[in-house]
Amino acid sequence: MDSSVPMTAPASPARTGVWVAIATISMSFAAYTSALMVRQDTISDWAHFTLPPILFVNTLVLLASSATVALGLRRMKAGAAAAAGQATFASRGGRWLVVTLGLGVLFVAGQVLAWRSLAAQGLYLATTPGSSFFYVFTALHALHLLGGVAALAYVLRRILLTPAAAPLGAAGAAALYWHFMDVLWLYLLLVLALRL
């Protein structure tokens, strides 16, 4: 074997799985966006409506959660370098991941408030094509985000149950997925703001 060729570590199965999920979710939302544009261009009575202001607050919450998950991962990597007996829940990123999980739940609660705001205006899932797309886009994103919440809960459980080892692979995969949810939300908000 040639020693001049650098060896690279194989990708973790969790990270590979997240990349497959990202590709699948991206293709799904690209298809939904295409359907929105075709539907809007083929119907003459498309009704526009104002997006609930809570969506912009939700965006700030999600951006903050992306920062906290990054801080948690950085802290976990630093804590993994410490001796196992000295590592604490906080030094292994646990507190930042708990904050991220809380912000994720807060984002979903904000989405429920957005749906209630539209319902108060008389806009339901089947009221107009535009409201249908709004509910489908935001509900699917919220469901995918709850998958990220479950992944963070799994990482936190591992931190609590295995104090001697940091679940860096699982945490890195969960953080990658979380950042993707953030980027996907920014894309969806832009589509919704421009097209609805």
C-alpha atoms as a PDB file:
ATOM      1  CA  MET A   1       0.000   0.000   0.000  1.00  0.00           C
ATOM      2  CA  ASP A   2       1.322   3.429  -0.925  1.00  0.00           C
ATOM      3  CA  SER A   3       1.937   5.432   2.253  1.00  0.00           C
ATOM      4  CA  SER A   4       1.925   8.740   0.363  1.00  0.00           C
ATOM      5  CA  VAL A   5      -1.843   8.501  -0.205  1.00  0.00           C
ATOM      6  CA  PRO A   6      -3.660   9.930   2.823  1.00  0.00           C
ATOM      7  CA  MET A   7      -6.205   7.667   4.452  1.00  0.00           C
ATOM      8  CA  THR A   8      -9.618   9.147   5.062  1.00  0.00           C
ATOM      9  CA  ALA A   9     -12.003   7.960   7.696  1.00  0.00           C
ATOM     10  CA  PRO A  10     -15.078   6.225   6.320  1.00  0.00           C
ATOM     11  CA  ALA A  11     -18.344   8.136   6.574  1.00  0.00           C
ATOM     12  CA  SER A  12     -20.448   7.126   9.541  1.00  0.00           C
ATOM     13  CA  PRO A  13     -23.653   5.237   8.742  1.00  0.00           C
ATOM     14  CA  ALA A  14     -25.674   7.919  10.539  1.00  0.00           C
ATOM     15  CA  ARG A  15     -24.176  10.697   8.413  1.00  0.00           C
ATOM     16  CA  THR A  16     -24.719   8.692   5.234  1.00  0.00           C
ATOM     17  CA  GLY A  17     -28.332   8.120   6.235  1.00  0.00           C
ATOM     18  CA  VAL A  18     -28.813  11.832   6.853  1.00  0.00           C
ATOM     19  CA  TRP A  19     -27.425  12.665   3.398  1.00  0.00           C
ATOM     20  CA  VAL A  20     -29.862  10.188   1.843  1.00  0.00           C
ATOM     21  CA  ALA A  21     -32.703  11.781   3.834  1.00  0.00           C
ATOM     22  CA  ILE A  22     -31.605  15.267   2.760  1.00  0.00           C
ATOM     23  CA  ALA A  23     -31.602  14.228  -0.899  1.00  0.00           C
ATOM     24  CA  THR A  24     -35.033  12.614  -0.591  1.00  0.00           C
ATOM     25  CA  ILE A  25     -36.584  15.532   1.284  1.00  0.00           C
ATOM     26  CA  SER A  26     -35.053  18.036  -1.148  1.00  0.00           C
ATOM     27  CA  MET A  27     -36.521  16.199  -4.136  1.00  0.00           C
ATOM     28  CA  SER A  28     -39.930  16.023  -2.446  1.00  0.00           C
ATOM     29  CA  PHE A  29     -40.041  19.739  -1.712  1.00  0.00           C
ATOM     30  CA  ALA A  30     -38.756  20.527  -5.213  1.00  0.00           C
ATOM     31  CA  ALA A  31     -41.691  18.529  -6.583  1.00  0.00           C
ATOM     32  CA  TYR A  32     -44.141  20.348  -4.284  1.00  0.00           C
ATOM     33  CA  THR A  33     -42.703  23.697  -5.354  1.00  0.00           C
ATOM     34  CA  SER A  34     -43.057  22.740  -8.991  1.00  0.00           C
ATOM     35  CA  ALA A  35     -46.653  21.700  -8.382  1.00  0.00           C
ATOM     36  CA  LEU A  36     -47.338  25.034  -6.664  1.00  0.00           C
ATOM     37  CA  MET A  37     -45.949  27.005  -9.593  1.00  0.00           C
ATOM     38  CA  VAL A  38     -47.778  24.971 -12.233  1.00  0.00           C
ATOM     39  CA  ARG A  39     -51.035  25.162 -10.277  1.00  0.00           C
ATOM     40  CA  GLN A  40     -50.694  28.906  -9.746  1.00  0.00           C
ATOM     41  CA  ASP A  41     -49.923  29.544 -13.418  1.00  0.00           C
ATOM     42  CA  THR A  42     -52.863  27.462 -14.671  1.00  0.00           C
ATOM     43  CA  ILE A  43     -55.605  28.833 -12.457  1.00  0.00           C
ATOM     44  CA  SER A  44     -57.042  32.285 -13.120  1.00  0.00           C
ATOM     45  CA  ASP A  45     -58.586  32.868  -9.704  1.00  0.00           C
ATOM     46  CA  TRP A  46     -55.567  32.243  -7.500  1.00  0.00           C
ATOM     47  CA  ALA A  47     -56.229  34.020  -4.186  1.00  0.00           C
ATOM     48  CA  HIS A  48     -53.218  35.563  -2.458  1.00  0.00           C
ATOM     49  CA  PHE A  49     -53.161  36.038   1.291  1.00  0.00           C
ATOM     50  CA  THR A  50     -50.868  37.576   3.862  1.00  0.00           C
ATOM     51  CA  LEU A  51     -48.603  35.184   5.717  1.00  0.00           C
ATOM     52  CA  PRO A  52     -49.096  35.109   9.484  1.00  0.00           C
ATOM     53  CA  PRO A  53     -46.425  37.307  11.166  1.00  0.00           C
ATOM     54  CA  ILE A  54     -45.578  34.464  13.576  1.00  0.00           C
ATOM     55  CA  LEU A  55     -43.719  32.799  10.682  1.00  0.00           C
ATOM     56  CA  PHE A  56     -41.026  35.463  10.887  1.00  0.00           C
ATOM     57  CA  VAL A  57     -40.670  34.952  14.649  1.00  0.00           C
ATOM     58  CA  ASN A  58     -40.464  31.207  13.971  1.00  0.00           C
ATOM     59  CA  THR A  59     -37.658  31.882  11.509  1.00  0.00           C
ATOM     60  CA  LEU A  60     -35.646  33.654  14.215  1.00  0.00           C
ATOM     61  CA  VAL A  61     -36.300  30.757  16.596  1.00  0.00           C
ATOM     62  CA  LEU A  62     -35.064  28.255  14.027  1.00  0.00           C
ATOM     63  CA  LEU A  63     -31.968  30.323  13.210  1.00  0.00           C
ATOM     64  CA  ALA A  64     -31.173  30.511  16.931  1.00  0.00           C
ATOM     65  CA  SER A  65     -31.581  26.736  17.211  1.00  0.00           C
ATOM     66  CA  SER A  66     -29.083  26.238  14.413  1.00  0.00           C
ATOM     67  CA  ALA A  67     -26.573  28.288  16.408  1.00  0.00           C
ATOM     68  CA  THR A  68     -27.233  26.341  19.606  1.00  0.00           C
ATOM     69  CA  VAL A  69     -26.850  22.947  17.933  1.00  0.00           C
ATOM     70  CA  ALA A  70     -23.513  24.125  16.501  1.00  0.00           C
ATOM     71  CA  LEU A  71     -22.411  25.262  19.971  1.00  0.00           C
ATOM     72  CA  GLY A  72     -23.489  21.932  21.447  1.00  0.00           C
ATOM     73  CA  LEU A  73     -21.530  19.962  18.862  1.00  0.00           C
ATOM     74  CA  ARG A  74     -18.445  22.136  19.347  1.00  0.00           C
ATOM     75  CA  ARG A  75     -18.705  21.691  23.116  1.00  0.00           C
ATOM     76  CA  MET A  76     -19.145  17.944  22.689  1.00  0.00           C
ATOM     77  CA  LYS A  77     -15.997  17.703  20.562  1.00  0.00           C
ATOM     78  CA  ALA A  78     -14.046  19.688  23.134  1.00  0.00           C
ATOM     79  CA  GLY A  79     -15.457  17.568  25.968  1.00  0.00           C
ATOM     80  CA  ALA A  80     -14.523  14.350  24.151  1.00  0.00           C
ATOM     81  CA  ALA A  81     -10.898  15.420  24.379  1.00  0.00           C
ATOM     82  CA  ALA A  82     -11.184  15.708  28.170  1.00  0.00           C
ATOM     83  CA  ALA A  83     -10.671  12.729  30.419  1.00  0.00           C
ATOM     84  CA  ALA A  84     -13.777  10.574  30.733  1.00  0.00           C
ATOM     85  CA  GLY A  85     -14.027  11.095  34.493  1.00  0.00           C
ATOM     86  CA  GLN A  86     -13.983  14.881  34.093  1.00  0.00           C
ATOM     87  CA  ALA A  87     -16.617  15.116  31.360  1.00  0.00           C
ATOM     88  CA  THR A  88     -19.972  16.419  32.529  1.00  0.00           C
ATOM     89  CA  PHE A  89     -23.318  16.701  30.808  1.00  0.00           C
ATOM     90  CA  ALA A  90     -22.667  20.406  30.166  1.00  0.00           C
ATOM     91  CA  SER A  91     -19.076  19.919  29.016  1.00  0.00           C
ATOM     92  CA  ARG A  92     -20.286  17.379  26.493  1.00  0.00           C
ATOM     93  CA  GLY A  93     -22.713  19.806  24.872  1.00  0.00           C
ATOM     94  CA  GLY A  94     -25.800  18.557  26.667  1.00  0.00           C
ATOM     95  CA  ARG A  95     -27.103  21.922  27.777  1.00  0.00           C
ATOM     96  CA  TRP A  96     -26.861  23.436  24.289  1.00  0.00           C
ATOM     97  CA  LEU A  97     -28.599  20.418  22.792  1.00  0.00           C
ATOM     98  CA  VAL A  98     -31.406  20.720  25.344  1.00  0.00           C
ATOM     99  CA  VAL A  99     -31.805  24.390  24.338  1.00  0.00           C
ATOM    100  CA  THR A 100     -31.875  23.336  20.671  1.00  0.00           C
ATOM    101  CA  LEU A 101     -34.514  20.719  21.381  1.00  0.00           C
ATOM    102  CA  GLY A 102     -36.604  23.309  23.242  1.00  0.00           C
ATOM    103  CA  LEU A 103     -36.292  25.793  20.378  1.00  0.00           C
ATOM    104  CA  GLY A 104     -37.378  23.065  17.936  1.00  0.00           C
ATOM    105  CA  VAL A 105     -40.505  22.386  19.970  1.00  0.00           C
ATOM    106  CA  LEU A 106     -41.120  26.142  20.213  1.00  0.00           C
ATOM    107  CA  PHE A 107     -40.860  26.403  16.408  1.00  0.00           C
ATOM    108  CA  VAL A 108     -43.487  23.672  15.932  1.00  0.00           C
ATOM    109  CA  ALA A 109     -45.741  25.389  18.492  1.00  0.00           C
ATOM    110  CA  GLY A 110     -45.316  28.586  16.475  1.00  0.00           C
ATOM    111  CA  GLN A 111     -46.392  26.722  13.350  1.00  0.00           C
ATOM    112  CA  VAL A 112     -49.560  25.609  15.140  1.00  0.00           C
ATOM    113  CA  LEU A 113     -50.213  29.276  15.985  1.00  0.00           C
ATOM    114  CA  ALA A 114     -49.718  30.171  12.302  1.00  0.00           C
ATOM    115  CA  TRP A 115     -52.277  27.537  11.282  1.00  0.00           C
ATOM    116  CA  ARG A 116     -54.728  28.835  13.889  1.00  0.00           C
ATOM    117  CA  SER A 117     -54.175  32.367  12.597  1.00  0.00           C
ATOM    118  CA  LEU A 118     -55.083  31.280   9.075  1.00  0.00           C
ATOM    119  CA  ALA A 119     -58.091  29.341  10.344  1.00  0.00           C
ATOM    120  CA  ALA A 120     -59.273  32.490  12.159  1.00  0.00           C
ATOM    121  CA  GLN A 121     -59.206  34.224   8.753  1.00  0.00           C
ATOM    122  CA  GLY A 122     -61.342  31.436   7.287  1.00  0.00           C
ATOM    123  CA  LEU A 123     -58.427  29.839   5.420  1.00  0.00           C
ATOM    124  CA  TYR A 124     -58.341  26.078   5.895  1.00  0.00           C
ATOM    125  CA  LEU A 125     -56.602  23.248   4.069  1.00  0.00           C
ATOM    126  CA  ALA A 126     -59.282  23.024   1.368  1.00  0.00           C
ATOM    127  CA  THR A 127     -60.351  26.688   1.205  1.00  0.00           C
ATOM    128  CA  THR A 128     -58.106  27.757  -1.684  1.00  0.00           C
ATOM    129  CA  PRO A 129     -55.241  26.160  -3.609  1.00  0.00           C
ATOM    130  CA  GLY A 130     -52.870  28.662  -1.968  1.00  0.00           C
ATOM    131  CA  SER A 131     -53.958  27.784   1.548  1.00  0.00           C
ATOM    132  CA  SER A 132     -53.656  24.092   0.674  1.00  0.00           C
ATOM    133  CA  PHE A 133     -50.038  24.565  -0.373  1.00  0.00           C
ATOM    134  CA  PHE A 134     -49.337  26.621   2.749  1.00  0.00           C
ATOM    135  CA  TYR A 135     -50.650  23.923   5.075  1.00  0.00           C
ATOM    136  CA  VAL A 136     -48.918  21.107   3.192  1.00  0.00           C
ATOM    137  CA  PHE A 137     -45.527  22.879   3.042  1.00  0.00           C
ATOM    138  CA  THR A 138     -45.527  23.981   6.667  1.00  0.00           C
ATOM    139  CA  ALA A 139     -46.947  20.740   8.054  1.00  0.00           C
ATOM    140  CA  LEU A 140     -44.450  18.582   6.174  1.00  0.00           C
ATOM    141  CA  HIS A 141     -41.587  20.778   7.330  1.00  0.00           C
ATOM    142  CA  ALA A 142     -42.846  20.596  10.930  1.00  0.00           C
ATOM    143  CA  LEU A 143     -43.047  16.789  10.719  1.00  0.00           C
ATOM    144  CA  HIS A 144     -39.504  16.599   9.378  1.00  0.00           C
ATOM    145  CA  LEU A 145     -38.347  18.975  12.107  1.00  0.00           C
ATOM    146  CA  LEU A 146     -39.915  16.698  14.708  1.00  0.00           C
ATOM    147  CA  GLY A 147     -37.691  13.973  13.257  1.00  0.00           C
ATOM    148  CA  GLY A 148     -34.755  16.234  14.117  1.00  0.00           C
ATOM    149  CA  VAL A 149     -36.145  16.692  17.633  1.00  0.00           C
ATOM    150  CA  ALA A 150     -36.265  12.892  17.987  1.00  0.00           C
ATOM    151  CA  ALA A 151     -32.656  12.646  16.775  1.00  0.00           C
ATOM    152  CA  LEU A 152     -31.547  15.239  19.336  1.00  0.00           C
ATOM    153  CA  ALA A 153     -33.432  13.397  22.077  1.00  0.00           C
ATOM    154  CA  TYR A 154     -31.567  10.222  21.064  1.00  0.00           C
ATOM    155  CA  VAL A 155     -28.205  12.026  21.267  1.00  0.00           C
ATOM    156  CA  LEU A 156     -29.094  13.480  24.684  1.00  0.00           C
ATOM    157  CA  ARG A 157     -30.091  10.036  25.914  1.00  0.00           C
ATOM    158  CA  ARG A 158     -26.739   8.662  24.772  1.00  0.00           C
ATOM    159  CA  ILE A 159     -24.907  11.481  26.554  1.00  0.00           C
ATOM    160  CA  LEU A 160     -26.753  10.669  29.775  1.00  0.00           C
ATOM    161  CA  LEU A 161     -26.372   6.878  29.539  1.00  0.00           C
ATOM    162  CA  THR A 162     -22.758   6.707  28.361  1.00  0.00           C
ATOM    163  CA  PRO A 163     -20.812   9.317  30.296  1.00  0.00           C
ATOM    164  CA  ALA A 164     -17.468   7.844  29.220  1.00  0.00           C
ATOM    165  CA  ALA A 165     -18.090   8.203  25.482  1.00  0.00           C
ATOM    166  CA  ALA A 166     -19.372  11.129  23.454  1.00  0.00           C
ATOM    167  CA  PRO A 167     -21.787  10.145  20.670  1.00  0.00           C
ATOM    168  CA  LEU A 168     -19.979  12.358  18.160  1.00  0.00           C
ATOM    169  CA  GLY A 169     -21.148  10.441  15.079  1.00  0.00           C
ATOM    170  CA  ALA A 170     -24.821  10.613  16.040  1.00  0.00           C
ATOM    171  CA  ALA A 171     -24.500  14.222  17.205  1.00  0.00           C
ATOM    172  CA  GLY A 172     -22.791  15.269  13.977  1.00  0.00           C
ATOM    173  CA  ALA A 173     -25.491  13.586  11.902  1.00  0.00           C
ATOM    174  CA  ALA A 174     -28.262  15.198  13.975  1.00  0.00           C
ATOM    175  CA  ALA A 175     -26.607  18.628  13.646  1.00  0.00           C
ATOM    176  CA  LEU A 176     -26.275  18.215   9.868  1.00  0.00           C
ATOM    177  CA  TYR A 177     -29.969  17.325   9.613  1.00  0.00           C
ATOM    178  CA  TRP A 178     -30.897  20.257  11.870  1.00  0.00           C
ATOM    179  CA  HIS A 179     -28.981  22.745   9.735  1.00  0.00           C
ATOM    180  CA  PHE A 180     -30.688  21.326   6.644  1.00  0.00           C
ATOM    181  CA  MET A 181     -34.097  21.891   8.276  1.00  0.00           C
ATOM    182  CA  ASP A 182     -33.051  25.501   8.819  1.00  0.00           C
ATOM    183  CA  VAL A 183     -32.031  26.005   5.189  1.00  0.00           C
ATOM    184  CA  LEU A 184     -35.175  24.229   3.987  1.00  0.00           C
ATOM    185  CA  TRP A 185     -37.345  26.534   6.109  1.00  0.00           C
ATOM    186  CA  LEU A 186     -35.671  29.649   4.675  1.00  0.00           C
ATOM    187  CA  TYR A 187     -36.341  28.295   1.178  1.00  0.00           C
ATOM    188  CA  LEU A 188     -39.983  27.521   2.010  1.00  0.00           C
ATOM    189  CA  LEU A 189     -40.538  30.917   3.595  1.00  0.00           C
ATOM    190  CA  LEU A 190     -39.170  32.587   0.467  1.00  0.00           C
ATOM    191  CA  VAL A 191     -41.413  30.479  -1.798  1.00  0.00           C
ATOM    192  CA  LEU A 192     -44.449  31.144   0.372  1.00  0.00           C
ATOM    193  CA  ALA A 193     -43.766  34.871   0.582  1.00  0.00           C
ATOM    194  CA  LEU A 194     -43.252  35.226  -3.173  1.00  0.00           C
ATOM    195  CA  ARG A 195     -45.959  32.891  -4.430  1.00  0.00           C
ATOM    196  CA  LEU A 196     -48.800  33.110  -1.908  1.00  0.00           C
END
